[in-house]
PDB file of all heavy atoms in Angstrom:
ATOM      1  N   GLY A   1      12.113  17.629 -16.170  1.00  0.00           N
ATOM      2  CA  GLY A   1      12.193  16.326 -15.398  1.00  0.00           C
ATOM      3  C   GLY A   1      11.408  16.312 -14.282  1.00  0.00           C
ATOM      4  O   GLY A   1      10.701  15.282 -13.883  1.00  0.00           O
ATOM      5  N   LEU A   2      11.403  17.412 -13.524  1.00  0.00           N
ATOM      6  CA  LEU A   2      10.563  17.573 -12.252  1.00  0.00           C
ATOM      7  C   LEU A   2       9.062  17.553 -12.592  1.00  0.00           C
ATOM      8  O   LEU A   2       8.078  16.919 -11.886  1.00  0.00           O
ATOM      9  CB  LEU A   2      10.887  18.793 -11.529  1.00  0.00           C
ATOM     10  CG  LEU A   2      12.261  18.826 -10.899  1.00  0.00           C
ATOM     11  CD1 LEU A   2      12.477  20.263 -10.231  1.00  0.00           C
ATOM     12  CD2 LEU A   2      12.497  17.760  -9.843  1.00  0.00           C
ATOM     13  N   LEU A   3       8.618  18.103 -13.789  1.00  0.00           N
ATOM     14  CA  LEU A   3       7.249  17.974 -14.327  1.00  0.00           C
ATOM     15  C   LEU A   3       6.931  16.590 -14.570  1.00  0.00           C
ATOM     16  O   LEU A   3       5.819  16.104 -14.138  1.00  0.00           O
ATOM     17  CB  LEU A   3       7.081  18.867 -15.537  1.00  0.00           C
ATOM     18  CG  LEU A   3       5.849  18.864 -16.302  1.00  0.00           C
ATOM     19  CD1 LEU A   3       4.636  19.074 -15.467  1.00  0.00           C
ATOM     20  CD2 LEU A   3       5.799  19.669 -17.566  1.00  0.00           C
ATOM     21  N   SER A   4       7.801  15.803 -15.184  1.00  0.00           N
ATOM     22  CA  SER A   4       7.609  14.501 -15.536  1.00  0.00           C
ATOM     23  C   SER A   4       7.428  13.624 -14.199  1.00  0.00           C
ATOM     24  O   SER A   4       6.445  12.878 -14.147  1.00  0.00           O
ATOM     25  CB  SER A   4       8.656  13.918 -16.372  1.00  0.00           C
ATOM     26  OG  SER A   4       8.582  12.524 -16.614  1.00  0.00           O
ATOM     27  N   VAL A   5       8.217  13.908 -13.323  1.00  0.00           N
ATOM     28  CA  VAL A   5       8.136  13.216 -12.008  1.00  0.00           C
ATOM     29  C   VAL A   5       6.768  13.554 -11.302  1.00  0.00           C
ATOM     30  O   VAL A   5       5.994  12.590 -10.786  1.00  0.00           O
ATOM     31  CB  VAL A   5       9.270  13.548 -10.958  1.00  0.00           C
ATOM     32  CG1 VAL A   5       8.963  12.961  -9.556  1.00  0.00           C
ATOM     33  CG2 VAL A   5      10.560  13.054 -11.607  1.00  0.00           C
ATOM     34  N   ALA A   6       6.431  14.771 -11.215  1.00  0.00           N
ATOM     35  CA  ALA A   6       5.233  15.173 -10.669  1.00  0.00           C
ATOM     36  C   ALA A   6       3.935  14.593 -11.258  1.00  0.00           C
ATOM     37  O   ALA A   6       3.103  14.085 -10.639  1.00  0.00           O
ATOM     38  CB  ALA A   6       5.045  16.739 -10.595  1.00  0.00           C
ATOM     39  N   MET A   7       3.957  14.694 -12.584  1.00  0.00           N
ATOM     40  CA  MET A   7       2.899  13.987 -13.407  1.00  0.00           C
ATOM     41  C   MET A   7       2.671  12.625 -13.230  1.00  0.00           C
ATOM     42  O   MET A   7       1.599  12.084 -13.008  1.00  0.00           O
ATOM     43  CB  MET A   7       3.199  14.285 -14.991  1.00  0.00           C
ATOM     44  CG  MET A   7       2.232  13.793 -15.938  1.00  0.00           C
ATOM     45  SD  MET A   7       2.736  14.108 -17.598  1.00  0.00           S
ATOM     46  CE  MET A   7       4.097  12.923 -17.749  1.00  0.00           C
ATOM     47  N   LEU A   8       3.808  11.757 -13.185  1.00  0.00           N
ATOM     48  CA  LEU A   8       3.744  10.300 -12.979  1.00  0.00           C
ATOM     49  C   LEU A   8       3.456   9.908 -11.502  1.00  0.00           C
ATOM     50  O   LEU A   8       2.748   8.976 -11.186  1.00  0.00           O
ATOM     51  CB  LEU A   8       5.027   9.687 -13.321  1.00  0.00           C
ATOM     52  CG  LEU A   8       5.248   9.759 -14.982  1.00  0.00           C
ATOM     53  CD1 LEU A   8       6.481   9.086 -15.366  1.00  0.00           C
ATOM     54  CD2 LEU A   8       4.045   9.344 -15.734  1.00  0.00           C
ATOM     55  N   VAL A   9       3.929  10.780 -10.560  1.00  0.00           N
ATOM     56  CA  VAL A   9       3.474  10.631  -9.089  1.00  0.00           C
ATOM     57  C   VAL A   9       1.993  10.865  -8.927  1.00  0.00           C
ATOM     58  O   VAL A   9       1.335  10.024  -8.217  1.00  0.00           O
ATOM     59  CB  VAL A   9       4.281  11.470  -8.066  1.00  0.00           C
ATOM     60  CG1 VAL A   9       3.666  11.577  -6.854  1.00  0.00           C
ATOM     61  CG2 VAL A   9       5.710  11.025  -8.132  1.00  0.00           C
ATOM     62  N   MET A  10       1.438  11.843  -9.611  1.00  0.00           N
ATOM     63  CA  MET A  10      -0.034  12.063  -9.618  1.00  0.00           C
ATOM     64  C   MET A  10      -0.754  10.864 -10.094  1.00  0.00           C
ATOM     65  O   MET A  10      -1.685  10.443  -9.581  1.00  0.00           O
ATOM     66  CB  MET A  10      -0.319  13.234 -10.466  1.00  0.00           C
ATOM     67  CG  MET A  10      -1.767  13.499 -10.746  1.00  0.00           C
ATOM     68  SD  MET A  10      -2.126  14.905 -11.941  1.00  0.00           S
ATOM     69  CE  MET A  10      -1.369  14.143 -13.418  1.00  0.00           C
ATOM     70  N   HIS A  11      -0.209  10.297 -11.239  1.00  0.00           N
ATOM     71  CA  HIS A  11      -0.926   9.081 -11.869  1.00  0.00           C
ATOM     72  C   HIS A  11      -0.690   7.918 -10.923  1.00  0.00           C
ATOM     73  O   HIS A  11      -1.598   7.112 -10.740  1.00  0.00           O
ATOM     74  CB  HIS A  11      -0.057   8.822 -13.200  1.00  0.00           C
ATOM     75  CG  HIS A  11      -0.924   8.066 -14.104  1.00  0.00           C
ATOM     76  ND1 HIS A  11      -2.211   8.225 -14.325  1.00  0.00           N
ATOM     77  CD2 HIS A  11      -0.538   6.937 -14.947  1.00  0.00           C
ATOM     78  CE1 HIS A  11      -2.739   7.274 -15.249  1.00  0.00           C
ATOM     79  NE2 HIS A  11      -1.655   6.504 -15.679  1.00  0.00           N
ATOM     80  N   GLY A  12       0.486   7.777 -10.245  1.00  0.00           N
ATOM     81  CA  GLY A  12       0.706   6.652  -9.427  1.00  0.00           C
ATOM     82  C   GLY A  12      -0.302   6.818  -8.166  1.00  0.00           C
ATOM     83  O   GLY A  12      -0.762   5.770  -7.514  1.00  0.00           O
ATOM     84  N   GLY A  13      -0.301   8.102  -7.631  1.00  0.00           N
ATOM     85  CA  GLY A  13      -1.262   8.222  -6.389  1.00  0.00           C
ATOM     86  C   GLY A  13      -2.840   7.911  -6.881  1.00  0.00           C
ATOM     87  O   GLY A  13      -3.504   7.189  -6.167  1.00  0.00           O
ATOM     88  N   ALA A  14      -3.177   8.203  -8.197  1.00  0.00           N
ATOM     89  CA  ALA A  14      -4.476   7.832  -8.505  1.00  0.00           C
ATOM     90  C   ALA A  14      -4.668   6.331  -8.727  1.00  0.00           C
ATOM     91  O   ALA A  14      -5.647   5.836  -8.349  1.00  0.00           O
ATOM     92  CB  ALA A  14      -4.758   8.527 -10.055  1.00  0.00           C
ATOM     93  N   TRP A  15      -3.612   5.688  -9.159  1.00  0.00           N
ATOM     94  CA  TRP A  15      -3.584   4.171  -9.212  1.00  0.00           C
ATOM     95  C   TRP A  15      -3.718   3.631  -7.900  1.00  0.00           C
ATOM     96  O   TRP A  15      -4.490   2.656  -7.785  1.00  0.00           O
ATOM     97  CB  TRP A  15      -2.383   3.747  -9.987  1.00  0.00           C
ATOM     98  CG  TRP A  15      -2.242   2.271 -10.119  1.00  0.00           C
ATOM     99  CD1 TRP A  15      -1.423   1.396  -9.419  1.00  0.00           C
ATOM    100  CD2 TRP A  15      -2.860   1.334 -10.817  1.00  0.00           C
ATOM    101  NE1 TRP A  15      -1.513   0.208  -9.645  1.00  0.00           N
ATOM    102  CE2 TRP A  15      -2.322   0.082 -10.689  1.00  0.00           C
ATOM    103  CE3 TRP A  15      -3.982   1.549 -11.916  1.00  0.00           C
ATOM    104  CZ2 TRP A  15      -2.973  -1.118 -11.248  1.00  0.00           C
ATOM    105  CZ3 TRP A  15      -4.471   0.344 -12.471  1.00  0.00           C
ATOM    106  CH2 TRP A  15      -4.033  -1.003 -12.225  1.00  0.00           C
ATOM    107  N   LEU A  16      -2.860   4.052  -6.970  1.00  0.00           N
ATOM    108  CA  LEU A  16      -3.020   3.373  -5.651  1.00  0.00           C
ATOM    109  C   LEU A  16      -4.319   3.716  -4.979  1.00  0.00           C
ATOM    110  O   LEU A  16      -4.706   2.782  -4.093  1.00  0.00           O
ATOM    111  CB  LEU A  16      -1.898   3.974  -4.719  1.00  0.00           C
ATOM    112  CG  LEU A  16      -0.512   3.407  -5.055  1.00  0.00           C
ATOM    113  CD1 LEU A  16       0.595   4.108  -4.334  1.00  0.00           C
ATOM    114  CD2 LEU A  16      -0.318   1.914  -4.944  1.00  0.00           C
ATOM    115  N   ALA A  17      -4.863   4.869  -5.194  1.00  0.00           N
ATOM    116  CA  ALA A  17      -6.162   5.229  -4.572  1.00  0.00           C
ATOM    117  C   ALA A  17      -7.322   4.100  -5.204  1.00  0.00           C
ATOM    118  O   ALA A  17      -8.234   3.847  -4.507  1.00  0.00           O
ATOM    119  CB  ALA A  17      -6.546   6.597  -4.908  1.00  0.00           C
ATOM    120  N   LEU A  18      -7.110   3.727  -6.413  1.00  0.00           N
ATOM    121  CA  LEU A  18      -8.099   2.877  -7.120  1.00  0.00           C
ATOM    122  C   LEU A  18      -7.849   1.381  -6.584  1.00  0.00           C
ATOM    123  O   LEU A  18      -8.814   0.679  -6.371  1.00  0.00           O
ATOM    124  CB  LEU A  18      -7.721   2.942  -8.549  1.00  0.00           C
ATOM    125  CG  LEU A  18      -8.607   1.885  -9.458  1.00  0.00           C
ATOM    126  CD1 LEU A  18     -10.027   2.320  -9.462  1.00  0.00           C
ATOM    127  CD2 LEU A  18      -8.193   1.937 -10.847  1.00  0.00           C
ATOM    128  N   LYS A  19      -6.550   0.951  -6.399  1.00  0.00           N
ATOM    129  CA  LYS A  19      -6.186  -0.474  -6.233  1.00  0.00           C
ATOM    130  C   LYS A  19      -5.960  -0.762  -4.776  1.00  0.00           C
ATOM    131  O   LYS A  19      -5.892  -1.951  -4.384  1.00  0.00           O
ATOM    132  CB  LYS A  19      -4.979  -0.736  -7.020  1.00  0.00           C
ATOM    133  CG  LYS A  19      -5.067  -0.748  -8.444  1.00  0.00           C
ATOM    134  CD  LYS A  19      -6.022  -1.827  -9.021  1.00  0.00           C
ATOM    135  CE  LYS A  19      -5.312  -3.236  -8.776  1.00  0.00           C
ATOM    136  NZ  LYS A  19      -6.224  -4.296  -9.433  1.00  0.00           N
ATOM    137  N   THR A  20      -6.036   0.124  -3.818  1.00  0.00           N
ATOM    138  CA  THR A  20      -5.766   0.011  -2.360  1.00  0.00           C
ATOM    139  C   THR A  20      -6.790   0.596  -1.498  1.00  0.00           C
ATOM    140  O   THR A  20      -7.680   1.387  -2.027  1.00  0.00           O
ATOM    141  CB  THR A  20      -4.421   0.349  -1.956  1.00  0.00           C
ATOM    142  OG1 THR A  20      -4.225   1.743  -1.899  1.00  0.00           O
ATOM    143  CG2 THR A  20      -3.307  -0.190  -2.831  1.00  0.00           C
ATOM    144  N   SER A  21      -6.779   0.281  -0.224  1.00  0.00           N
ATOM    145  CA  SER A  21      -7.817   0.881   0.681  1.00  0.00           C
ATOM    146  C   SER A  21      -7.069   1.085   2.062  1.00  0.00           C
ATOM    147  O   SER A  21      -5.840   0.768   2.133  1.00  0.00           O
ATOM    148  CB  SER A  21      -9.010  -0.135   0.973  1.00  0.00           C
ATOM    149  OG  SER A  21      -8.541  -1.234   1.380  1.00  0.00           O
ATOM    150  N   GLY A  22      -7.625   1.808   2.910  1.00  0.00           N
ATOM    151  CA  GLY A  22      -7.099   2.003   4.148  1.00  0.00           C
ATOM    152  C   GLY A  22      -5.934   3.071   4.270  1.00  0.00           C
ATOM    153  O   GLY A  22      -5.975   3.972   3.354  1.00  0.00           O
ATOM    154  N   PRO A  23      -5.046   2.911   4.997  1.00  0.00           N
ATOM    155  CA  PRO A  23      -3.934   3.912   5.138  1.00  0.00           C
ATOM    156  C   PRO A  23      -3.221   4.118   3.937  1.00  0.00           C
ATOM    157  O   PRO A  23      -2.772   5.346   3.674  1.00  0.00           O
ATOM    158  CB  PRO A  23      -2.986   3.369   6.378  1.00  0.00           C
ATOM    159  CG  PRO A  23      -3.949   2.379   6.984  1.00  0.00           C
ATOM    160  CD  PRO A  23      -4.955   1.905   6.140  1.00  0.00           C
ATOM    161  N   VAL A  24      -2.869   3.119   3.158  1.00  0.00           N
ATOM    162  CA  VAL A  24      -2.157   3.349   1.899  1.00  0.00           C
ATOM    163  C   VAL A  24      -2.807   4.177   0.994  1.00  0.00           C
ATOM    164  O   VAL A  24      -2.272   5.070   0.373  1.00  0.00           O
ATOM    165  CB  VAL A  24      -1.804   1.908   1.278  1.00  0.00           C
ATOM    166  CG1 VAL A  24      -1.254   2.070  -0.018  1.00  0.00           C
ATOM    167  CG2 VAL A  24      -0.811   1.030   2.208  1.00  0.00           C
ATOM    168  N   ALA A  25      -4.067   3.945   0.799  1.00  0.00           N
ATOM    169  CA  ALA A  25      -4.905   4.621  -0.098  1.00  0.00           C
ATOM    170  C   ALA A  25      -4.922   6.074   0.352  1.00  0.00           C
ATOM    171  O   ALA A  25      -4.972   7.113  -0.422  1.00  0.00           O
ATOM    172  CB  ALA A  25      -6.278   4.105  -0.345  1.00  0.00           C
ATOM    173  N   GLU A  26      -5.154   6.313   1.737  1.00  0.00           N
ATOM    174  CA  GLU A  26      -5.269   7.696   2.273  1.00  0.00           C
ATOM    175  C   GLU A  26      -4.003   8.508   1.947  1.00  0.00           C
ATOM    176  O   GLU A  26      -3.947   9.671   1.505  1.00  0.00           O
ATOM    177  CB  GLU A  26      -5.552   7.728   3.613  1.00  0.00           C
ATOM    178  CG  GLU A  26      -6.942   7.201   4.098  1.00  0.00           C
ATOM    179  CD  GLU A  26      -7.948   8.023   3.388  1.00  0.00           C
ATOM    180  OE1 GLU A  26      -7.787   9.282   3.397  1.00  0.00           O
ATOM    181  OE2 GLU A  26      -9.056   7.593   2.844  1.00  0.00           O
ATOM    182  N   ARG A  27      -2.795   7.893   2.235  1.00  0.00           N
ATOM    183  CA  ARG A  27      -1.569   8.537   1.882  1.00  0.00           C
ATOM    184  C   ARG A  27      -1.327   8.763   0.389  1.00  0.00           C
ATOM    185  O   ARG A  27      -0.768   9.852   0.067  1.00  0.00           O
ATOM    186  CB  ARG A  27      -0.443   7.766   2.527  1.00  0.00           C
ATOM    187  CG  ARG A  27      -0.405   7.464   4.072  1.00  0.00           C
ATOM    188  CD  ARG A  27       0.788   6.751   4.562  1.00  0.00           C
ATOM    189  NE  ARG A  27       0.638   6.228   5.856  1.00  0.00           N
ATOM    190  CZ  ARG A  27       0.513   4.943   6.175  1.00  0.00           C
ATOM    191  NH1 ARG A  27       0.640   3.935   5.249  1.00  0.00           N
ATOM    192  NH2 ARG A  27       0.335   4.538   7.418  1.00  0.00           N
ATOM    193  N   ALA A  28      -1.815   7.805  -0.384  1.00  0.00           N
ATOM    194  CA  ALA A  28      -1.693   8.010  -1.757  1.00  0.00           C
ATOM    195  C   ALA A  28      -2.366   9.234  -2.231  1.00  0.00           C
ATOM    196  O   ALA A  28      -2.069   9.972  -3.227  1.00  0.00           O
ATOM    197  CB  ALA A  28      -2.094   6.749  -2.471  1.00  0.00           C
ATOM    198  N   ARG A  29      -3.558   9.367  -1.767  1.00  0.00           N
ATOM    199  CA  ARG A  29      -4.437  10.435  -2.136  1.00  0.00           C
ATOM    200  C   ARG A  29      -3.813  11.832  -1.708  1.00  0.00           C
ATOM    201  O   ARG A  29      -3.710  12.699  -2.461  1.00  0.00           O
ATOM    202  CB  ARG A  29      -5.827  10.447  -1.389  1.00  0.00           C
ATOM    203  CG  ARG A  29      -6.747   9.322  -2.022  1.00  0.00           C
ATOM    204  CD  ARG A  29      -8.070   9.430  -1.513  1.00  0.00           C
ATOM    205  NE  ARG A  29      -8.958   8.356  -1.994  1.00  0.00           N
ATOM    206  CZ  ARG A  29      -9.075   7.055  -1.164  1.00  0.00           C
ATOM    207  NH1 ARG A  29      -8.629   7.041   0.091  1.00  0.00           N
ATOM    208  NH2 ARG A  29      -9.930   6.134  -1.669  1.00  0.00           N
ATOM    209  N   GLY A  30      -3.037  11.794  -0.550  1.00  0.00           N
ATOM    210  CA  GLY A  30      -2.602  13.028  -0.059  1.00  0.00           C
ATOM    211  C   GLY A  30      -1.424  13.461  -0.919  1.00  0.00           C
ATOM    212  O   GLY A  30      -1.285  14.654  -1.461  1.00  0.00           O
ATOM    213  N   TYR A  31      -0.516  12.463  -1.281  1.00  0.00           N
ATOM    214  CA  TYR A  31       0.596  12.712  -2.189  1.00  0.00           C
ATOM    215  C   TYR A  31       0.229  13.065  -3.612  1.00  0.00           C
ATOM    216  O   TYR A  31       0.882  13.959  -4.311  1.00  0.00           O
ATOM    217  CB  TYR A  31       1.572  11.635  -2.159  1.00  0.00           C
ATOM    218  CG  TYR A  31       2.488  11.513  -0.848  1.00  0.00           C
ATOM    219  CD1 TYR A  31       2.241  10.626   0.064  1.00  0.00           C
ATOM    220  CD2 TYR A  31       3.416  12.541  -0.595  1.00  0.00           C
ATOM    221  CE1 TYR A  31       2.989  10.553   1.213  1.00  0.00           C
ATOM    222  CE2 TYR A  31       4.175  12.524   0.624  1.00  0.00           C
ATOM    223  CZ  TYR A  31       3.910  11.426   1.487  1.00  0.00           C
ATOM    224  OH  TYR A  31       4.740  11.365   2.700  1.00  0.00           O
ATOM    225  N   GLY A  32      -0.978  12.395  -3.996  1.00  0.00           N
ATOM    226  CA  GLY A  32      -1.342  12.575  -5.380  1.00  0.00           C
ATOM    227  C   GLY A  32      -2.013  13.951  -5.519  1.00  0.00           C
ATOM    228  O   GLY A  32      -1.741  14.577  -6.517  1.00  0.00           O
ATOM    229  N   VAL A  33      -2.592  14.531  -4.545  1.00  0.00           N
ATOM    230  CA  VAL A  33      -3.078  15.914  -4.578  1.00  0.00           C
ATOM    231  C   VAL A  33      -2.005  16.972  -4.591  1.00  0.00           C
ATOM    232  O   VAL A  33      -2.010  17.865  -5.456  1.00  0.00           O
ATOM    233  CB  VAL A  33      -3.947  16.178  -3.280  1.00  0.00           C
ATOM    234  CG1 VAL A  33      -4.151  17.732  -3.070  1.00  0.00           C
ATOM    235  CG2 VAL A  33      -5.363  15.542  -3.310  1.00  0.00           C
ATOM    236  N   ILE A  34      -0.987  16.691  -3.915  1.00  0.00           N
ATOM    237  CA  ILE A  34       0.217  17.571  -3.984  1.00  0.00           C
ATOM    238  C   ILE A  34       0.811  17.632  -5.339  1.00  0.00           C
ATOM    239  O   ILE A  34       1.197  18.577  -5.885  1.00  0.00           O
ATOM    240  CB  ILE A  34       1.225  17.211  -2.922  1.00  0.00           C
ATOM    241  CG1 ILE A  34       0.610  17.459  -1.445  1.00  0.00           C
ATOM    242  CG2 ILE A  34       2.413  18.059  -3.017  1.00  0.00           C
ATOM    243  CD1 ILE A  34       1.416  16.961  -0.387  1.00  0.00           C
ATOM    244  N   ALA A  35       0.989  16.265  -5.876  1.00  0.00           N
ATOM    245  CA  ALA A  35       1.581  16.115  -7.075  1.00  0.00           C
ATOM    246  C   ALA A  35       0.786  16.863  -8.218  1.00  0.00           C
ATOM    247  O   ALA A  35       1.343  17.318  -9.167  1.00  0.00           O
ATOM    248  CB  ALA A  35       1.784  14.681  -7.499  1.00  0.00           C
ATOM    249  N   ALA A  36      -0.526  16.652  -8.139  1.00  0.00           N
ATOM    250  CA  ALA A  36      -1.391  17.346  -9.182  1.00  0.00           C
ATOM    251  C   ALA A  36      -1.230  18.811  -9.243  1.00  0.00           C
ATOM    252  O   ALA A  36      -1.099  19.452 -10.249  1.00  0.00           O
ATOM    253  CB  ALA A  36      -2.853  16.886  -8.927  1.00  0.00           C
TER     254      ALA A  36
END
């Protein structure tokens, strides 16, 4: 279950990095790196 959450958080971070800019994208990249 935790693997599934980490995998999808990684995917969500990648999506937000693609679809947003500025502080939101920066934070998404940070959490996405950890989730990966």
